[in-house]
């Protein structure tokens, strides 16, 4: 049987209170557990003695039986010197998912198209306007030549 040392939430809405329990991995978070070995009250200041209470003898026993602590409980046990806790590294945590990437690509394409559209008339407009300005002058010369 796979066993975990984890937190089971109690308390009321907006007032969390956790029991540190030994539970089967298949049991629900707040459901059935094998044994309660401590408590955690996150509302208390970090230097308060009652913030974290753990029965270290029972924790040692269950660690010896192969129980795996969750990350948060491993931090608590590391503070007591029972386990070595290492900070996890999840480089993919901040990366956007597929839909966000698609939206970013579409946004970039639209921005590029708007930029091209904004630059294109500036380049084409002087080329079109210059012959248009010359055309009336040529027509005026042609009229003058026809009149004379």
N, C-alpha and C. Protein backbone atom coordinates (compact mmCIF):
# COMPACT_ATOMS: atom_id res chain seq x y z
N UNK A 1 0.85 -1.17 0.00
CA UNK A 1 0.00 0.00 0.00
C UNK A 1 0.90 1.24 0.00
N UNK A 2 0.66 2.14 -0.95
CA UNK A 2 1.42 3.39 -1.05
C UNK A 2 0.85 4.40 -0.06
N UNK A 3 1.75 4.98 0.74
CA UNK A 3 1.31 5.87 1.80
C UNK A 3 2.01 7.22 1.64
N UNK A 4 1.27 8.28 1.94
CA UNK A 4 1.81 9.64 1.88
C UNK A 4 1.64 10.33 3.22
N UNK A 5 2.57 11.23 3.50
CA UNK A 5 2.42 12.14 4.64
C UNK A 5 1.99 13.45 4.01
N UNK A 6 0.77 13.90 4.30
CA UNK A 6 0.24 15.07 3.62
C UNK A 6 -0.65 15.89 4.54
N UNK A 7 -1.13 17.02 4.00
CA UNK A 7 -2.01 17.91 4.75
C UNK A 7 -3.46 17.60 4.40
N UNK A 8 -4.31 17.58 5.42
CA UNK A 8 -5.76 17.44 5.23
C UNK A 8 -6.37 18.74 5.73
N UNK A 9 -7.12 19.44 4.89
CA UNK A 9 -7.64 20.75 5.25
C UNK A 9 -8.87 20.64 6.13
N UNK A 10 -8.89 21.52 7.10
CA UNK A 10 -10.03 21.65 7.99
C UNK A 10 -10.31 23.14 8.15
N UNK A 11 -11.08 23.49 9.15
CA UNK A 11 -11.38 24.90 9.37
C UNK A 11 -12.52 25.37 8.50
N UNK A 12 -12.89 26.63 8.70
CA UNK A 12 -14.01 27.17 7.95
C UNK A 12 -13.52 27.97 6.75
N UNK A 13 -14.47 28.53 6.03
CA UNK A 13 -14.16 29.31 4.85
C UNK A 13 -13.25 30.48 5.23
N UNK A 14 -12.18 30.67 4.48
CA UNK A 14 -11.19 31.74 4.68
C UNK A 14 -10.40 31.60 5.98
N UNK A 15 -10.57 30.49 6.69
CA UNK A 15 -9.84 30.26 7.95
C UNK A 15 -9.26 28.84 7.92
N UNK A 16 -8.24 28.58 7.10
CA UNK A 16 -7.73 27.21 6.97
C UNK A 16 -7.02 26.71 8.23
N UNK A 17 -7.12 25.42 8.42
CA UNK A 17 -6.42 24.73 9.49
C UNK A 17 -6.13 23.35 8.95
N UNK A 18 -4.90 22.89 9.06
CA UNK A 18 -4.52 21.62 8.44
C UNK A 18 -4.09 20.60 9.48
N UNK A 19 -4.45 19.34 9.22
CA UNK A 19 -3.93 18.21 9.99
C UNK A 19 -2.83 17.58 9.14
N UNK A 20 -1.72 17.23 9.76
CA UNK A 20 -0.66 16.49 9.06
C UNK A 20 -0.99 15.02 9.30
N UNK A 21 -1.30 14.31 8.22
CA UNK A 21 -1.80 12.94 8.35
C UNK A 21 -1.00 11.97 7.49
N UNK A 22 -1.12 10.70 7.88
CA UNK A 22 -0.61 9.58 7.08
C UNK A 22 -1.84 9.02 6.37
N UNK A 23 -1.80 9.01 5.03
CA UNK A 23 -2.98 8.56 4.29
C UNK A 23 -2.58 7.74 3.07
N UNK A 24 -3.47 6.86 2.67
CA UNK A 24 -3.30 6.12 1.42
C UNK A 24 -3.36 7.13 0.28
N UNK A 25 -2.55 6.93 -0.75
CA UNK A 25 -2.51 7.89 -1.86
C UNK A 25 -3.84 7.97 -2.59
N UNK A 26 -4.65 6.93 -2.51
CA UNK A 26 -5.93 6.92 -3.23
C UNK A 26 -7.04 7.61 -2.45
N UNK A 27 -6.81 7.90 -1.17
CA UNK A 27 -7.84 8.53 -0.34
C UNK A 27 -7.98 10.00 -0.72
N UNK A 28 -9.18 10.59 -0.58
CA UNK A 28 -9.36 12.01 -0.87
C UNK A 28 -8.55 12.88 0.09
N UNK A 29 -8.30 14.12 -0.32
CA UNK A 29 -7.46 15.03 0.46
C UNK A 29 -7.95 15.18 1.90
N UNK A 30 -9.23 15.41 2.06
CA UNK A 30 -9.79 15.63 3.39
C UNK A 30 -10.50 14.39 3.92
N UNK A 31 -10.30 13.28 3.25
CA UNK A 31 -11.04 12.07 3.60
C UNK A 31 -10.32 11.21 4.62
N UNK A 32 -10.49 9.90 4.45
CA UNK A 32 -9.99 8.93 5.40
C UNK A 32 -8.47 8.96 5.49
N UNK A 33 -7.95 8.85 6.69
CA UNK A 33 -6.50 8.77 6.86
C UNK A 33 -6.18 7.70 7.90
N UNK A 34 -4.91 7.28 7.91
CA UNK A 34 -4.48 6.21 8.81
C UNK A 34 -4.19 6.77 10.20
N UNK A 35 -3.43 7.88 10.23
CA UNK A 35 -3.03 8.43 11.52
C UNK A 35 -2.77 9.93 11.40
N UNK A 36 -3.12 10.67 12.42
CA UNK A 36 -2.82 12.10 12.49
C UNK A 36 -1.53 12.25 13.28
N UNK A 37 -0.53 12.93 12.66
CA UNK A 37 0.75 13.09 13.36
C UNK A 37 1.07 14.54 13.70
N UNK A 38 0.20 15.47 13.31
CA UNK A 38 0.48 16.85 13.64
C UNK A 38 -0.55 17.80 13.09
N UNK A 39 -0.29 19.10 13.29
CA UNK A 39 -1.18 20.14 12.80
C UNK A 39 -0.36 21.29 12.23
N UNK A 40 -1.03 22.09 11.37
CA UNK A 40 -0.42 23.29 10.79
C UNK A 40 -1.50 24.36 10.73
N UNK A 41 -1.20 25.50 11.37
CA UNK A 41 -2.14 26.62 11.36
C UNK A 41 -1.47 27.79 10.64
N UNK A 42 -1.75 27.99 9.35
CA UNK A 42 -1.08 29.03 8.57
C UNK A 42 -1.46 30.45 8.97
N UNK A 43 -2.49 30.62 9.79
CA UNK A 43 -2.91 31.95 10.20
C UNK A 43 -2.02 32.53 11.31
N UNK A 44 -1.27 31.67 11.98
CA UNK A 44 -0.38 32.14 13.03
C UNK A 44 0.92 32.68 12.43
N UNK A 45 1.60 33.58 13.14
CA UNK A 45 2.89 34.09 12.62
C UNK A 45 3.92 32.97 12.48
N UNK A 46 4.88 33.15 11.58
CA UNK A 46 5.85 32.09 11.30
C UNK A 46 6.71 31.72 12.50
N UNK A 47 6.92 32.66 13.42
CA UNK A 47 7.76 32.36 14.58
C UNK A 47 6.98 31.82 15.78
N UNK A 48 5.67 31.65 15.62
CA UNK A 48 4.82 31.16 16.72
C UNK A 48 5.03 29.65 16.90
N UNK A 49 5.06 29.20 18.17
CA UNK A 49 5.33 27.78 18.46
C UNK A 49 4.20 26.87 18.00
N UNK A 50 2.96 27.35 18.01
CA UNK A 50 1.81 26.50 17.67
C UNK A 50 1.51 26.47 16.18
N UNK A 51 2.30 27.15 15.36
CA UNK A 51 2.04 27.15 13.92
C UNK A 51 2.16 25.75 13.33
N UNK A 52 3.24 25.04 13.66
CA UNK A 52 3.45 23.67 13.17
C UNK A 52 3.77 22.78 14.36
N UNK A 53 2.98 21.73 14.53
CA UNK A 53 3.22 20.74 15.57
C UNK A 53 3.30 19.38 14.89
N UNK A 54 4.40 18.67 15.11
CA UNK A 54 4.57 17.35 14.50
C UNK A 54 5.07 16.38 15.56
N UNK A 55 4.49 15.18 15.59
CA UNK A 55 5.00 14.10 16.43
C UNK A 55 6.16 13.47 15.67
N UNK A 56 7.38 13.86 16.06
CA UNK A 56 8.57 13.45 15.30
C UNK A 56 8.81 11.95 15.35
N UNK A 57 8.47 11.31 16.46
CA UNK A 57 8.67 9.85 16.56
C UNK A 57 7.80 9.12 15.54
N UNK A 58 6.54 9.52 15.43
CA UNK A 58 5.65 8.87 14.47
C UNK A 58 6.06 9.19 13.03
N UNK A 59 6.53 10.42 12.81
CA UNK A 59 6.99 10.80 11.47
C UNK A 59 8.20 9.94 11.08
N UNK A 60 9.13 9.74 12.01
CA UNK A 60 10.31 8.88 11.73
C UNK A 60 9.85 7.46 11.41
N UNK A 61 8.89 6.96 12.20
CA UNK A 61 8.39 5.61 11.97
C UNK A 61 7.83 5.48 10.56
N UNK A 62 6.94 6.41 10.17
CA UNK A 62 6.29 6.30 8.87
C UNK A 62 7.27 6.52 7.72
N UNK A 63 8.26 7.39 7.91
CA UNK A 63 9.29 7.55 6.89
C UNK A 63 10.07 6.24 6.73
N UNK A 64 10.30 5.56 7.84
CA UNK A 64 10.97 4.26 7.79
C UNK A 64 10.13 3.21 7.10
N UNK A 65 8.83 3.34 7.15
CA UNK A 65 7.92 2.40 6.49
C UNK A 65 7.76 2.71 5.01
N UNK A 66 8.37 3.80 4.53
CA UNK A 66 8.30 4.12 3.10
C UNK A 66 7.30 5.19 2.73
N UNK A 67 6.76 5.88 3.72
CA UNK A 67 5.80 6.95 3.43
C UNK A 67 6.52 8.12 2.76
N UNK A 68 5.92 8.67 1.72
CA UNK A 68 6.50 9.79 0.99
C UNK A 68 5.81 11.09 1.39
N UNK A 69 6.57 12.08 1.89
CA UNK A 69 5.93 13.35 2.25
C UNK A 69 5.65 14.19 1.01
N UNK A 70 4.59 14.97 1.07
CA UNK A 70 4.33 15.94 0.00
C UNK A 70 5.35 17.06 0.13
N UNK A 71 5.40 17.94 -0.85
CA UNK A 71 6.40 18.99 -0.86
C UNK A 71 6.29 19.88 0.38
N UNK A 72 5.08 20.29 0.73
CA UNK A 72 4.89 21.18 1.89
C UNK A 72 5.28 20.48 3.18
N UNK A 73 4.87 19.22 3.35
CA UNK A 73 5.21 18.48 4.56
C UNK A 73 6.71 18.20 4.60
N UNK A 74 7.32 17.97 3.44
CA UNK A 74 8.77 17.76 3.40
C UNK A 74 9.51 19.00 3.90
N UNK A 75 8.98 20.19 3.60
CA UNK A 75 9.57 21.42 4.14
C UNK A 75 9.52 21.43 5.65
N UNK A 76 8.36 21.06 6.21
CA UNK A 76 8.21 21.03 7.66
C UNK A 76 9.17 20.03 8.29
N UNK A 77 9.27 18.83 7.68
CA UNK A 77 10.14 17.78 8.22
C UNK A 77 11.61 18.16 8.07
N UNK A 78 11.95 18.87 7.00
CA UNK A 78 13.33 19.32 6.80
C UNK A 78 13.72 20.33 7.87
N UNK A 79 12.78 21.16 8.29
CA UNK A 79 13.05 22.13 9.35
C UNK A 79 13.36 21.41 10.66
N UNK A 80 12.80 20.20 10.83
CA UNK A 80 13.07 19.41 12.03
C UNK A 80 14.27 18.49 11.84
N UNK A 81 14.80 18.42 10.62
CA UNK A 81 15.99 17.61 10.34
C UNK A 81 15.71 16.16 10.01
N UNK A 82 14.47 15.82 9.65
CA UNK A 82 14.14 14.42 9.34
C UNK A 82 14.40 14.06 7.89
N UNK A 83 14.15 14.96 6.98
CA UNK A 83 14.37 14.70 5.56
C UNK A 83 15.15 15.86 4.95
N UNK A 84 15.71 15.61 3.78
CA UNK A 84 16.39 16.68 3.06
C UNK A 84 15.43 17.17 1.97
N UNK A 85 15.08 18.45 2.06
CA UNK A 85 14.15 19.03 1.09
C UNK A 85 14.92 19.86 0.09
N UNK A 86 14.64 19.64 -1.19
CA UNK A 86 15.24 20.43 -2.27
C UNK A 86 14.15 21.20 -2.97
N UNK A 87 14.46 22.42 -3.32
CA UNK A 87 13.50 23.26 -4.05
C UNK A 87 13.25 22.64 -5.41
N UNK A 88 11.97 22.50 -5.78
CA UNK A 88 11.62 21.94 -7.08
C UNK A 88 11.89 22.92 -8.21
N UNK A 89 12.14 22.38 -9.39
CA UNK A 89 12.39 23.23 -10.55
C UNK A 89 11.41 22.83 -11.65
N UNK A 90 10.55 23.76 -12.01
CA UNK A 90 9.58 23.51 -13.07
C UNK A 90 9.74 24.61 -14.12
N UNK A 91 10.65 24.41 -15.10
CA UNK A 91 10.88 25.46 -16.09
C UNK A 91 9.69 25.70 -17.00
N UNK A 92 8.76 24.76 -17.10
CA UNK A 92 7.60 24.92 -17.99
C UNK A 92 6.44 25.64 -17.31
N UNK A 93 6.58 25.97 -16.03
CA UNK A 93 5.47 26.56 -15.29
C UNK A 93 5.00 27.88 -15.90
N UNK A 94 5.93 28.74 -16.29
CA UNK A 94 5.57 30.05 -16.78
C UNK A 94 5.32 30.12 -18.28
N UNK A 95 5.53 29.01 -18.98
CA UNK A 95 5.34 29.03 -20.44
C UNK A 95 3.86 29.02 -20.79
N UNK A 96 3.47 29.78 -21.82
CA UNK A 96 2.07 29.74 -22.24
C UNK A 96 1.73 28.42 -22.93
N UNK A 97 0.46 28.06 -22.88
CA UNK A 97 0.00 26.82 -23.51
C UNK A 97 -0.30 27.05 -24.99
N UNK A 98 -0.79 26.03 -25.68
CA UNK A 98 -0.98 26.04 -27.13
C UNK A 98 -1.92 27.16 -27.58
N UNK A 99 -3.07 27.31 -26.92
CA UNK A 99 -4.03 28.33 -27.35
C UNK A 99 -3.44 29.73 -27.21
N UNK A 100 -2.73 29.97 -26.12
CA UNK A 100 -2.13 31.29 -25.91
C UNK A 100 -1.06 31.55 -26.97
N UNK A 101 -0.32 30.51 -27.35
CA UNK A 101 0.70 30.67 -28.40
C UNK A 101 0.03 31.00 -29.73
N UNK A 102 -1.10 30.33 -30.04
CA UNK A 102 -1.82 30.61 -31.28
C UNK A 102 -2.31 32.06 -31.30
N UNK A 103 -2.88 32.50 -30.18
CA UNK A 103 -3.36 33.88 -30.11
C UNK A 103 -2.22 34.87 -30.28
N UNK A 104 -1.07 34.56 -29.70
CA UNK A 104 0.08 35.47 -29.82
C UNK A 104 0.57 35.53 -31.27
N UNK A 105 0.56 34.37 -31.96
CA UNK A 105 0.96 34.36 -33.37
C UNK A 105 -0.01 35.17 -34.22
N UNK A 106 -1.32 34.99 -33.99
CA UNK A 106 -2.32 35.75 -34.75
C UNK A 106 -2.17 37.25 -34.49
N UNK A 107 -1.92 37.61 -33.27
CA UNK A 107 -1.74 39.02 -32.91
C UNK A 107 -0.50 39.59 -33.60
N UNK A 108 0.57 38.80 -33.66
CA UNK A 108 1.80 39.25 -34.32
C UNK A 108 1.58 39.41 -35.83
N UNK A 109 0.82 38.47 -36.41
CA UNK A 109 0.52 38.56 -37.85
C UNK A 109 -0.31 39.81 -38.15
N UNK A 110 -1.32 40.07 -37.33
CA UNK A 110 -2.15 41.26 -37.53
C UNK A 110 -1.32 42.53 -37.39
N UNK A 111 -0.44 42.56 -36.41
CA UNK A 111 0.41 43.73 -36.20
C UNK A 111 1.34 43.94 -37.39
N UNK A 112 1.89 42.85 -37.91
CA UNK A 112 2.77 42.95 -39.08
C UNK A 112 1.99 43.43 -40.30
N UNK A 113 0.77 42.93 -40.46
CA UNK A 113 -0.06 43.35 -41.60
C UNK A 113 -0.41 44.83 -41.49
N UNK A 114 -0.77 45.29 -40.30
CA UNK A 114 -1.07 46.71 -40.10
C UNK A 114 0.15 47.58 -40.35
N UNK A 115 1.30 47.09 -39.93
CA UNK A 115 2.53 47.85 -40.14
C UNK A 115 2.84 47.96 -41.63
N UNK A 116 2.68 46.86 -42.35
CA UNK A 116 2.91 46.87 -43.80
C UNK A 116 1.90 47.79 -44.48
N UNK A 117 0.65 47.72 -44.05
CA UNK A 117 -0.39 48.56 -44.65
C UNK A 117 -0.10 50.04 -44.38
N UNK A 118 0.42 50.33 -43.23
CA UNK A 118 0.73 51.72 -42.89
C UNK A 118 1.94 52.22 -43.69
N UNK A 119 2.91 51.35 -43.93
CA UNK A 119 4.11 51.74 -44.68
C UNK A 119 3.87 51.77 -46.18
N UNK A 120 3.04 50.87 -46.68
CA UNK A 120 2.82 50.76 -48.12
C UNK A 120 2.24 52.04 -48.74
N UNK A 121 1.20 52.68 -48.21
CA UNK A 121 0.67 53.89 -48.83
C UNK A 121 1.71 55.03 -48.85
N UNK A 122 2.56 55.08 -47.85
CA UNK A 122 3.57 56.13 -47.83
C UNK A 122 4.52 55.97 -49.02
N UNK A 123 4.87 54.73 -49.32
CA UNK A 123 5.78 54.48 -50.44
C UNK A 123 5.06 54.68 -51.78
N UNK A 124 3.83 54.17 -51.89
CA UNK A 124 3.11 54.23 -53.16
C UNK A 124 2.52 55.62 -53.42
N UNK A 125 2.07 56.29 -52.39
CA UNK A 125 1.39 57.57 -52.56
C UNK A 125 2.26 58.61 -53.27
N UNK A 126 3.51 58.83 -52.89
CA UNK A 126 4.31 59.82 -53.62
C UNK A 126 4.50 59.41 -55.08
N UNK A 127 4.65 58.13 -55.35
CA UNK A 127 4.84 57.68 -56.73
C UNK A 127 3.57 57.95 -57.55
N UNK A 128 2.39 57.75 -56.97
CA UNK A 128 1.14 57.99 -57.68
C UNK A 128 0.86 59.48 -57.80
N UNK A 129 1.16 60.23 -56.74
CA UNK A 129 0.84 61.65 -56.74
C UNK A 129 1.72 62.42 -57.71
N UNK A 130 2.97 62.04 -57.85
CA UNK A 130 3.88 62.79 -58.73
C UNK A 130 3.38 62.77 -60.18
N UNK A 131 3.02 61.64 -60.75
CA UNK A 131 2.50 61.68 -62.12
C UNK A 131 1.17 62.41 -62.19
N UNK A 132 0.36 62.33 -61.15
CA UNK A 132 -0.93 63.02 -61.15
C UNK A 132 -0.71 64.53 -61.20
N UNK A 133 0.31 65.02 -60.53
CA UNK A 133 0.60 66.45 -60.55
C UNK A 133 1.15 66.87 -61.91
N UNK A 134 1.93 66.00 -62.53
CA UNK A 134 2.53 66.32 -63.83
C UNK A 134 1.47 66.28 -64.92
N UNK A 135 0.51 65.42 -64.79
CA UNK A 135 -0.50 65.26 -65.82
C UNK A 135 -1.26 66.55 -66.07
N UNK A 136 -1.72 67.29 -65.09
CA UNK A 136 -2.41 68.55 -65.39
C UNK A 136 -1.45 69.54 -66.07
N UNK A 137 -0.21 69.54 -65.70
CA UNK A 137 0.76 70.45 -66.32
C UNK A 137 0.95 70.07 -67.78
N UNK A 138 1.01 68.78 -68.06
CA UNK A 138 1.17 68.33 -69.45
C UNK A 138 -0.08 68.66 -70.25
N UNK A 139 -1.26 68.49 -69.59
CA UNK A 139 -2.50 68.82 -70.28
C UNK A 139 -2.56 70.31 -70.59
N UNK A 140 -2.10 71.11 -69.65
CA UNK A 140 -2.10 72.57 -69.86
C UNK A 140 -1.16 72.92 -71.02
N UNK A 141 0.01 72.26 -71.09
CA UNK A 141 0.96 72.51 -72.21
C UNK A 141 0.33 72.05 -73.50
N UNK A 142 -0.35 70.93 -73.48
CA UNK A 142 -0.98 70.42 -74.69
C UNK A 142 -2.08 71.38 -75.15
N UNK A 143 -2.84 71.95 -74.20
CA UNK A 143 -3.89 72.91 -74.55
C UNK A 143 -3.27 74.17 -75.12
N UNK A 144 -2.17 74.62 -74.47
CA UNK A 144 -1.49 75.82 -74.97
C UNK A 144 -0.99 75.60 -76.40
N UNK A 145 -0.44 74.42 -76.63
CA UNK A 145 0.08 74.12 -77.97
C UNK A 145 -1.06 74.05 -78.99
N UNK A 146 -2.21 73.51 -78.56
CA UNK A 146 -3.34 73.40 -79.47
C UNK A 146 -3.94 74.77 -79.75
N UNK A 147 -3.93 75.65 -78.74
CA UNK A 147 -4.49 76.99 -78.93
C UNK A 147 -3.60 77.81 -79.85
N UNK A 148 -2.35 77.61 -79.83
CA UNK A 148 -1.49 78.45 -80.65
C UNK A 148 -1.35 78.02 -82.04
